[in-house]
Amino acid sequence: MNYIFREQLKHKGLYAELSFECNFNPGENNKLEFKYLGENIWELPCKMGANIFYDYFKKSDNSTGRLEILINTVDWYPVDTNNLIVMYACVKGLLEAFKLELNGLKFDSETESFLFPEIRKTDLFVGD
């Protein structure tokens, strides 16, 4: 699966494209298995994004089991990509892959901010 985060903000671009695979195996124990095959520069933000996604995912219905995430590549531009953009793209891409939508997760172009909802919210997912 591919996920592209691309925004134009005044005269700045924000860009990251991730190619990844993910699989969920229901079971009794919650576990995240993360593998990364891309350039070393983006491994940590992808791992952080996967762990943040997993924190949210554990709160969703029927989420008990083993989640496997494999990031194959990250496409990026030197001027338009940074750690926060890659981390955000990872979270958004995984949400899209599992057809989940979080209340309050967004990029706010007015404040030039990435917004992440508090994990302990009771209405975390759209439709809760």
C-alpha atoms as a PDB file:
ATOM      1  CA  MET A   1       0.000   0.000   0.000  1.00  0.00           C
ATOM      2  CA  ASN A   2       1.102   3.590  -0.618  1.00  0.00           C
ATOM      3  CA  TYR A   3       0.213   6.716   1.289  1.00  0.00           C
ATOM      4  CA  ILE A   4       1.134  10.225   0.151  1.00  0.00           C
ATOM      5  CA  PHE A   5       1.045  13.290   2.375  1.00  0.00           C
ATOM      6  CA  ARG A   6       1.395  16.397   0.218  1.00  0.00           C
ATOM      7  CA  GLU A   7       0.480  19.932   1.261  1.00  0.00           C
ATOM      8  CA  GLN A   8       1.384  23.362  -0.029  1.00  0.00           C
ATOM      9  CA  LEU A   9       1.743  25.957   2.689  1.00  0.00           C
ATOM     10  CA  LYS A  10       2.446  29.480   1.485  1.00  0.00           C
ATOM     11  CA  HIS A  11       5.759  28.959  -0.333  1.00  0.00           C
ATOM     12  CA  LYS A  12       6.657  25.723   1.433  1.00  0.00           C
ATOM     13  CA  GLY A  13       5.877  22.178   0.455  1.00  0.00           C
ATOM     14  CA  LEU A  14       5.291  19.299   2.848  1.00  0.00           C
ATOM     15  CA  TYR A  15       5.791  15.855   1.369  1.00  0.00           C
ATOM     16  CA  ALA A  16       6.281  12.200   2.278  1.00  0.00           C
ATOM     17  CA  GLU A  17       5.249   9.040   0.453  1.00  0.00           C
ATOM     18  CA  LEU A  18       5.355   5.705   2.227  1.00  0.00           C
ATOM     19  CA  SER A  19       5.164   2.254   0.711  1.00  0.00           C
ATOM     20  CA  PHE A  20       4.177  -0.255   3.375  1.00  0.00           C
ATOM     21  CA  GLU A  21       2.450  -3.501   4.230  1.00  0.00           C
ATOM     22  CA  CYS A  22       0.379  -4.181   7.314  1.00  0.00           C
ATOM     23  CA  ASN A  23      -1.477  -7.148   8.669  1.00  0.00           C
ATOM     24  CA  PHE A  24      -3.533  -7.783  11.782  1.00  0.00           C
ATOM     25  CA  ASN A  25      -3.784 -11.262  13.297  1.00  0.00           C
ATOM     26  CA  PRO A  26      -6.484 -11.446  15.990  1.00  0.00           C
ATOM     27  CA  GLY A  27      -5.518 -13.270  19.156  1.00  0.00           C
ATOM     28  CA  GLU A  28      -5.243 -12.997  22.892  1.00  0.00           C
ATOM     29  CA  ASN A  29      -2.095 -10.889  23.196  1.00  0.00           C
ATOM     30  CA  ASN A  30      -1.525  -7.387  21.890  1.00  0.00           C
ATOM     31  CA  LYS A  31       1.781  -7.042  20.112  1.00  0.00           C
ATOM     32  CA  LEU A  32       3.299  -4.748  17.507  1.00  0.00           C
ATOM     33  CA  GLU A  33       5.884  -6.170  15.123  1.00  0.00           C
ATOM     34  CA  PHE A  34       7.644  -3.428  13.172  1.00  0.00           C
ATOM     35  CA  LYS A  35      10.131  -3.859  10.335  1.00  0.00           C
ATOM     36  CA  TYR A  36      11.753  -1.159   8.236  1.00  0.00           C
ATOM     37  CA  LEU A  37      13.554  -1.617   4.905  1.00  0.00           C
ATOM     38  CA  GLY A  38      13.973   1.999   3.735  1.00  0.00           C
ATOM     39  CA  GLU A  39      16.770   4.532   4.096  1.00  0.00           C
ATOM     40  CA  ASN A  40      18.161   4.799   7.629  1.00  0.00           C
ATOM     41  CA  ILE A  41      17.322   8.495   7.890  1.00  0.00           C
ATOM     42  CA  TRP A  42      13.558   7.762   8.156  1.00  0.00           C
ATOM     43  CA  GLU A  43      13.569   4.632  10.309  1.00  0.00           C
ATOM     44  CA  LEU A  44      13.032   6.376  13.660  1.00  0.00           C
ATOM     45  CA  PRO A  45      10.134   8.629  12.535  1.00  0.00           C
ATOM     46  CA  CYS A  46       8.446   5.606  10.901  1.00  0.00           C
ATOM     47  CA  LYS A  47       8.895   3.552  14.061  1.00  0.00           C
ATOM     48  CA  MET A  48       7.483   6.408  16.139  1.00  0.00           C
ATOM     49  CA  GLY A  49       4.535   6.737  13.736  1.00  0.00           C
ATOM     50  CA  ALA A  50       3.855   2.989  13.917  1.00  0.00           C
ATOM     51  CA  ASN A  51       3.923   3.070  17.727  1.00  0.00           C
ATOM     52  CA  ILE A  52       1.648   6.110  17.891  1.00  0.00           C
ATOM     53  CA  PHE A  53      -0.760   4.427  15.479  1.00  0.00           C
ATOM     54  CA  TYR A  54      -0.654   1.282  17.611  1.00  0.00           C
ATOM     55  CA  ASP A  55      -1.598   3.282  20.726  1.00  0.00           C
ATOM     56  CA  TYR A  56      -4.698   4.505  18.895  1.00  0.00           C
ATOM     57  CA  PHE A  57      -5.376   1.130  17.247  1.00  0.00           C
ATOM     58  CA  LYS A  58      -5.511  -0.677  20.608  1.00  0.00           C
ATOM     59  CA  LYS A  59      -8.476   1.543  21.507  1.00  0.00           C
ATOM     60  CA  SER A  60     -10.481   0.490  18.433  1.00  0.00           C
ATOM     61  CA  ASP A  61     -13.022  -2.334  18.360  1.00  0.00           C
ATOM     62  CA  ASN A  62     -11.680  -5.862  17.832  1.00  0.00           C
ATOM     63  CA  SER A  63      -8.055  -4.782  18.157  1.00  0.00           C
ATOM     64  CA  THR A  64      -6.718  -7.591  20.339  1.00  0.00           C
ATOM     65  CA  GLY A  65      -3.965  -9.447  18.524  1.00  0.00           C
ATOM     66  CA  ARG A  66      -0.685  -9.040  16.670  1.00  0.00           C
ATOM     67  CA  LEU A  67      -0.212  -6.060  14.356  1.00  0.00           C
ATOM     68  CA  GLU A  68       2.552  -6.425  11.755  1.00  0.00           C
ATOM     69  CA  ILE A  69       3.856  -3.317   9.996  1.00  0.00           C
ATOM     70  CA  LEU A  70       6.528  -3.355   7.298  1.00  0.00           C
ATOM     71  CA  ILE A  71       7.717  -0.041   5.849  1.00  0.00           C
ATOM     72  CA  ASN A  72       9.372  -0.726   2.488  1.00  0.00           C
ATOM     73  CA  THR A  73      10.351   2.760   1.332  1.00  0.00           C
ATOM     74  CA  VAL A  74       9.936   6.443   2.070  1.00  0.00           C
ATOM     75  CA  ASP A  75       9.982   8.818  -0.888  1.00  0.00           C
ATOM     76  CA  TRP A  76      11.026  12.321   0.138  1.00  0.00           C
ATOM     77  CA  TYR A  77      12.379  15.674  -0.990  1.00  0.00           C
ATOM     78  CA  PRO A  78      15.232  17.379   0.877  1.00  0.00           C
ATOM     79  CA  VAL A  79      13.395  20.692   1.254  1.00  0.00           C
ATOM     80  CA  ASP A  80       9.853  19.353   1.808  1.00  0.00           C
ATOM     81  CA  THR A  81      10.374  16.423   4.191  1.00  0.00           C
ATOM     82  CA  ASN A  82      11.315  16.191   7.854  1.00  0.00           C
ATOM     83  CA  ASN A  83      10.869  13.769  10.760  1.00  0.00           C
ATOM     84  CA  LEU A  84       7.490  15.129  11.826  1.00  0.00           C
ATOM     85  CA  ILE A  85       6.078  14.955   8.294  1.00  0.00           C
ATOM     86  CA  VAL A  86       7.201  11.323   7.893  1.00  0.00           C
ATOM     87  CA  MET A  87       5.841  10.362  11.327  1.00  0.00           C
ATOM     88  CA  TYR A  88       2.476  11.996  10.584  1.00  0.00           C
ATOM     89  CA  ALA A  89       2.302  10.331   7.139  1.00  0.00           C
ATOM     90  CA  CYS A  90       2.974   6.971   8.759  1.00  0.00           C
ATOM     91  CA  VAL A  91       0.114   7.400  11.244  1.00  0.00           C
ATOM     92  CA  LYS A  92      -2.285   8.647   8.556  1.00  0.00           C
ATOM     93  CA  GLY A  93      -1.323   5.902   6.111  1.00  0.00           C
ATOM     94  CA  LEU A  94      -1.896   3.175   8.678  1.00  0.00           C
ATOM     95  CA  LEU A  95      -5.242   4.675   9.689  1.00  0.00           C
ATOM     96  CA  GLU A  96      -6.271   4.682   6.037  1.00  0.00           C
ATOM     97  CA  ALA A  97      -5.117   1.073   5.584  1.00  0.00           C
ATOM     98  CA  PHE A  98      -7.346  -0.049   8.461  1.00  0.00           C
ATOM     99  CA  LYS A  99     -10.206   2.269   7.450  1.00  0.00           C
ATOM    100  CA  LEU A 100     -10.060   4.183  10.728  1.00  0.00           C
ATOM    101  CA  GLU A 101     -10.508   7.909  11.207  1.00  0.00           C
ATOM    102  CA  LEU A 102      -9.457   9.753  14.355  1.00  0.00           C
ATOM    103  CA  ASN A 103     -11.344  12.741  15.684  1.00  0.00           C
ATOM    104  CA  GLY A 104      -8.927  15.657  15.766  1.00  0.00           C
ATOM    105  CA  LEU A 105      -5.972  14.161  13.861  1.00  0.00           C
ATOM    106  CA  LYS A 106      -5.051  16.664  11.184  1.00  0.00           C
ATOM    107  CA  PHE A 107      -2.616  19.126   9.738  1.00  0.00           C
ATOM    108  CA  ASP A 108      -3.814  22.669  10.487  1.00  0.00           C
ATOM    109  CA  SER A 109      -2.541  24.964   7.739  1.00  0.00           C
ATOM    110  CA  GLU A 110      -3.551  28.126   9.620  1.00  0.00           C
ATOM    111  CA  THR A 111      -1.331  27.371  12.601  1.00  0.00           C
ATOM    112  CA  GLU A 112       1.131  25.264  10.585  1.00  0.00           C
ATOM    113  CA  SER A 113       0.689  22.495  13.162  1.00  0.00           C
ATOM    114  CA  PHE A 114       0.210  18.759  13.240  1.00  0.00           C
ATOM    115  CA  LEU A 115      -2.582  17.934  15.691  1.00  0.00           C
ATOM    116  CA  PHE A 116      -2.808  14.584  17.487  1.00  0.00           C
ATOM    117  CA  PRO A 117      -5.786  13.754  19.719  1.00  0.00           C
ATOM    118  CA  GLU A 118      -5.268  12.696  23.311  1.00  0.00           C
ATOM    119  CA  ILE A 119      -5.164   8.883  23.402  1.00  0.00           C
ATOM    120  CA  ARG A 120      -7.486   8.724  26.437  1.00  0.00           C
ATOM    121  CA  LYS A 121     -10.380  10.524  24.729  1.00  0.00           C
ATOM    122  CA  THR A 122     -13.669   8.663  24.898  1.00  0.00           C
ATOM    123  CA  ASP A 123     -14.711   9.648  21.358  1.00  0.00           C
ATOM    124  CA  LEU A 124     -11.368   8.903  19.740  1.00  0.00           C
ATOM    125  CA  PHE A 125     -12.683   7.494  16.460  1.00  0.00           C
ATOM    126  CA  VAL A 126     -15.159   9.064  14.064  1.00  0.00           C
ATOM    127  CA  GLY A 127     -18.488   7.391  14.718  1.00  0.00           C
ATOM    128  CA  ASP A 128     -17.802   6.611  18.394  1.00  0.00           C
END
